[in-house]
Amino acid sequence: HWLELAKGPYFVTEKGVVNRSWALSTTADTFTILIIAGGKGAIRWADGELDLSIGECLLLPANLGGYTLEGNMNVLRSRLP
């Protein structure tokens, strides 16, 4: 689950801990920014995958749909509220 860290009229930022395969999805009304705050792992989506390590940032488009985070990572997620 996600722990809400900050919320304002223009964004919400949450922290998630990945320690197994975690299936997630973007929504049609907002992009998603992921920042790897600790550890390493991978992101997988319908037609691709990318290895991730601490300090990396991703901008996921709203129309990405389903994706999976795997590994052992602390992740910050920012999006529109």
N, C-alpha and C. Protein backbone atom coordinates (compact mmCIF):
# COMPACT_ATOMS: atom_id res chain seq x y z
N HIS A 1 0.84 -1.18 0.00
CA HIS A 1 0.00 0.00 0.00
C HIS A 1 0.88 1.24 0.00
N TRP A 2 0.28 2.38 -0.26
CA TRP A 2 0.99 3.65 -0.32
C TRP A 2 0.74 4.46 0.95
N LEU A 3 1.80 5.10 1.46
CA LEU A 3 1.72 5.99 2.62
C LEU A 3 1.77 7.42 2.10
N GLU A 4 0.74 8.20 2.33
CA GLU A 4 0.71 9.58 1.86
C GLU A 4 1.69 10.44 2.66
N LEU A 5 2.61 11.11 1.95
CA LEU A 5 3.61 11.96 2.59
C LEU A 5 3.25 13.44 2.51
N ALA A 6 2.71 13.86 1.38
CA ALA A 6 2.37 15.27 1.17
C ALA A 6 1.21 15.36 0.19
N LYS A 7 0.35 16.37 0.41
CA LYS A 7 -0.78 16.56 -0.49
C LYS A 7 -1.08 18.04 -0.58
N GLY A 8 -1.31 18.50 -1.79
CA GLY A 8 -1.68 19.88 -2.02
C GLY A 8 -2.71 19.93 -3.12
N PRO A 9 -3.10 21.12 -3.54
CA PRO A 9 -4.12 21.23 -4.58
C PRO A 9 -3.65 20.74 -5.95
N TYR A 10 -2.34 20.62 -6.14
CA TYR A 10 -1.80 20.27 -7.46
C TYR A 10 -1.08 18.93 -7.52
N PHE A 11 -0.85 18.29 -6.38
CA PHE A 11 -0.12 17.02 -6.39
C PHE A 11 -0.37 16.25 -5.10
N VAL A 12 -0.06 14.96 -5.16
CA VAL A 12 0.01 14.11 -3.97
C VAL A 12 1.27 13.27 -4.12
N THR A 13 2.03 13.13 -3.03
CA THR A 13 3.24 12.32 -3.03
C THR A 13 3.10 11.24 -1.97
N GLU A 14 3.40 10.01 -2.39
CA GLU A 14 3.25 8.85 -1.51
C GLU A 14 4.53 8.02 -1.54
N LYS A 15 4.72 7.23 -0.48
CA LYS A 15 5.86 6.31 -0.40
C LYS A 15 5.34 4.89 -0.42
N GLY A 16 5.99 4.03 -1.20
CA GLY A 16 5.65 2.62 -1.23
C GLY A 16 6.91 1.78 -1.04
N VAL A 17 6.76 0.65 -0.40
CA VAL A 17 7.87 -0.27 -0.21
C VAL A 17 7.60 -1.51 -1.06
N VAL A 18 8.49 -1.78 -2.00
CA VAL A 18 8.36 -2.93 -2.89
C VAL A 18 9.24 -4.05 -2.34
N ASN A 19 8.65 -5.20 -2.02
CA ASN A 19 9.45 -6.34 -1.57
C ASN A 19 8.94 -7.64 -2.18
N ARG A 20 8.09 -7.49 -3.18
CA ARG A 20 7.60 -8.62 -3.97
C ARG A 20 7.01 -8.02 -5.24
N SER A 21 6.48 -8.82 -6.10
CA SER A 21 5.86 -8.31 -7.31
C SER A 21 4.60 -7.52 -6.95
N TRP A 22 4.51 -6.27 -7.43
CA TRP A 22 3.41 -5.39 -7.07
C TRP A 22 2.75 -4.87 -8.35
N ALA A 23 1.56 -5.35 -8.66
CA ALA A 23 0.83 -4.94 -9.87
C ALA A 23 0.10 -3.63 -9.60
N LEU A 24 0.34 -2.65 -10.46
CA LEU A 24 -0.26 -1.32 -10.33
C LEU A 24 -0.80 -0.89 -11.68
N SER A 25 -1.43 0.28 -11.72
CA SER A 25 -1.96 0.80 -12.98
C SER A 25 -2.02 2.32 -12.92
N THR A 26 -1.75 2.97 -14.04
CA THR A 26 -1.98 4.40 -14.13
C THR A 26 -3.47 4.62 -14.35
N THR A 27 -3.93 5.85 -14.16
CA THR A 27 -5.31 6.21 -14.44
C THR A 27 -5.33 7.22 -15.58
N ALA A 28 -6.42 7.28 -16.28
CA ALA A 28 -6.52 8.13 -17.47
C ALA A 28 -6.46 9.62 -17.16
N ASP A 29 -6.62 10.01 -15.89
CA ASP A 29 -6.68 11.43 -15.56
C ASP A 29 -5.37 12.03 -15.04
N THR A 30 -4.28 11.24 -14.93
CA THR A 30 -3.02 11.81 -14.45
C THR A 30 -1.82 10.97 -14.86
N PHE A 31 -0.73 11.66 -15.10
CA PHE A 31 0.57 11.01 -15.25
C PHE A 31 1.01 10.53 -13.87
N THR A 32 2.07 9.74 -13.80
CA THR A 32 2.65 9.29 -12.54
C THR A 32 4.15 9.46 -12.61
N ILE A 33 4.73 10.04 -11.56
CA ILE A 33 6.18 10.16 -11.45
C ILE A 33 6.64 9.19 -10.37
N LEU A 34 7.59 8.32 -10.71
CA LEU A 34 8.17 7.39 -9.73
C LEU A 34 9.63 7.77 -9.52
N ILE A 35 10.05 7.82 -8.26
CA ILE A 35 11.45 8.07 -7.90
C ILE A 35 11.90 6.90 -7.03
N ILE A 36 12.99 6.26 -7.42
CA ILE A 36 13.53 5.15 -6.63
C ILE A 36 14.38 5.75 -5.52
N ALA A 37 13.87 5.70 -4.29
CA ALA A 37 14.52 6.33 -3.15
C ALA A 37 15.47 5.39 -2.42
N GLY A 38 15.44 4.11 -2.73
CA GLY A 38 16.33 3.15 -2.10
C GLY A 38 16.17 1.79 -2.72
N GLY A 39 17.25 1.04 -2.77
CA GLY A 39 17.20 -0.32 -3.28
C GLY A 39 17.29 -0.40 -4.79
N LYS A 40 16.86 -1.56 -5.31
CA LYS A 40 16.85 -1.75 -6.76
C LYS A 40 15.80 -2.78 -7.12
N GLY A 41 15.43 -2.78 -8.40
CA GLY A 41 14.41 -3.69 -8.88
C GLY A 41 14.16 -3.46 -10.35
N ALA A 42 12.89 -3.57 -10.74
CA ALA A 42 12.53 -3.42 -12.15
C ALA A 42 11.08 -2.98 -12.26
N ILE A 43 10.77 -2.39 -13.41
CA ILE A 43 9.39 -2.09 -13.78
C ILE A 43 9.12 -2.83 -15.07
N ARG A 44 7.93 -3.42 -15.15
CA ARG A 44 7.52 -4.14 -16.36
C ARG A 44 6.14 -3.64 -16.77
N TRP A 45 5.94 -3.49 -18.07
CA TRP A 45 4.65 -3.10 -18.61
C TRP A 45 4.39 -3.92 -19.85
N ALA A 46 3.27 -3.72 -20.51
CA ALA A 46 2.81 -4.59 -21.60
C ALA A 46 3.88 -4.93 -22.62
N ASP A 47 4.65 -3.97 -23.06
CA ASP A 47 5.63 -4.26 -24.13
C ASP A 47 7.05 -3.85 -23.77
N GLY A 48 7.38 -3.87 -22.47
CA GLY A 48 8.75 -3.52 -22.11
C GLY A 48 9.06 -3.74 -20.65
N GLU A 49 10.32 -3.53 -20.33
CA GLU A 49 10.78 -3.60 -18.95
C GLU A 49 12.05 -2.78 -18.81
N LEU A 50 12.33 -2.38 -17.58
CA LEU A 50 13.48 -1.53 -17.31
C LEU A 50 13.99 -1.85 -15.91
N ASP A 51 15.30 -2.08 -15.78
CA ASP A 51 15.91 -2.25 -14.46
C ASP A 51 15.99 -0.89 -13.79
N LEU A 52 15.82 -0.87 -12.47
CA LEU A 52 15.80 0.37 -11.70
C LEU A 52 16.76 0.30 -10.53
N SER A 53 17.37 1.44 -10.21
CA SER A 53 18.21 1.52 -9.01
C SER A 53 18.03 2.90 -8.38
N ILE A 54 18.58 3.06 -7.19
CA ILE A 54 18.39 4.27 -6.40
C ILE A 54 18.72 5.53 -7.22
N GLY A 55 17.86 6.53 -7.07
CA GLY A 55 18.06 7.81 -7.73
C GLY A 55 17.39 7.95 -9.08
N GLU A 56 16.93 6.85 -9.66
CA GLU A 56 16.30 6.93 -10.98
C GLU A 56 14.87 7.47 -10.85
N CYS A 57 14.46 8.22 -11.88
CA CYS A 57 13.13 8.83 -11.93
C CYS A 57 12.44 8.42 -13.22
N LEU A 58 11.15 8.17 -13.14
CA LEU A 58 10.37 7.77 -14.30
C LEU A 58 9.12 8.63 -14.40
N LEU A 59 8.77 9.01 -15.62
CA LEU A 59 7.50 9.68 -15.88
C LEU A 59 6.63 8.69 -16.65
N LEU A 60 5.59 8.19 -16.01
CA LEU A 60 4.69 7.23 -16.64
C LEU A 60 3.50 7.99 -17.22
N PRO A 61 3.21 7.82 -18.49
CA PRO A 61 2.06 8.52 -19.08
C PRO A 61 0.74 7.96 -18.54
N ALA A 62 -0.27 8.80 -18.54
CA ALA A 62 -1.58 8.41 -18.02
C ALA A 62 -2.15 7.20 -18.76
N ASN A 63 -1.82 7.06 -20.04
CA ASN A 63 -2.38 5.96 -20.83
C ASN A 63 -1.53 4.69 -20.80
N LEU A 64 -0.53 4.61 -19.92
CA LEU A 64 0.30 3.40 -19.84
C LEU A 64 -0.54 2.19 -19.43
N GLY A 65 -1.42 2.38 -18.46
CA GLY A 65 -2.23 1.26 -17.96
C GLY A 65 -1.46 0.45 -16.94
N GLY A 66 -1.57 -0.87 -17.02
CA GLY A 66 -0.98 -1.76 -16.03
C GLY A 66 0.54 -1.82 -16.11
N TYR A 67 1.16 -1.86 -14.93
CA TYR A 67 2.60 -2.07 -14.83
C TYR A 67 2.88 -2.79 -13.52
N THR A 68 4.07 -3.38 -13.42
CA THR A 68 4.45 -4.14 -12.23
C THR A 68 5.80 -3.66 -11.74
N LEU A 69 5.91 -3.43 -10.44
CA LEU A 69 7.19 -3.15 -9.80
C LEU A 69 7.65 -4.42 -9.11
N GLU A 70 8.94 -4.72 -9.24
CA GLU A 70 9.51 -5.92 -8.62
C GLU A 70 10.85 -5.58 -8.00
N GLY A 71 11.26 -6.35 -7.03
CA GLY A 71 12.55 -6.16 -6.39
C GLY A 71 12.40 -5.75 -4.95
N ASN A 72 13.41 -5.06 -4.45
CA ASN A 72 13.42 -4.54 -3.08
C ASN A 72 13.75 -3.06 -3.17
N MET A 73 12.72 -2.22 -3.16
CA MET A 73 12.90 -0.80 -3.37
C MET A 73 11.97 0.03 -2.49
N ASN A 74 12.41 1.23 -2.18
CA ASN A 74 11.54 2.26 -1.64
C ASN A 74 11.24 3.20 -2.78
N VAL A 75 9.97 3.47 -3.03
CA VAL A 75 9.55 4.25 -4.20
C VAL A 75 8.70 5.43 -3.75
N LEU A 76 9.00 6.61 -4.30
CA LEU A 76 8.13 7.76 -4.13
C LEU A 76 7.29 7.90 -5.37
N ARG A 77 5.99 8.14 -5.21
CA ARG A 77 5.08 8.30 -6.33
C ARG A 77 4.38 9.65 -6.21
N SER A 78 4.46 10.44 -7.26
CA SER A 78 3.75 11.73 -7.31
C SER A 78 2.79 11.72 -8.48
N ARG A 79 1.63 12.35 -8.26
CA ARG A 79 0.60 12.40 -9.30
C ARG A 79 -0.36 13.53 -8.95
N LEU A 80 -1.30 13.79 -9.84
CA LEU A 80 -2.34 14.77 -9.55
C LEU A 80 -3.29 14.18 -8.51
N PRO A 81 -3.87 15.02 -7.65
CA PRO A 81 -4.78 14.49 -6.63
C PRO A 81 -6.10 13.99 -7.22
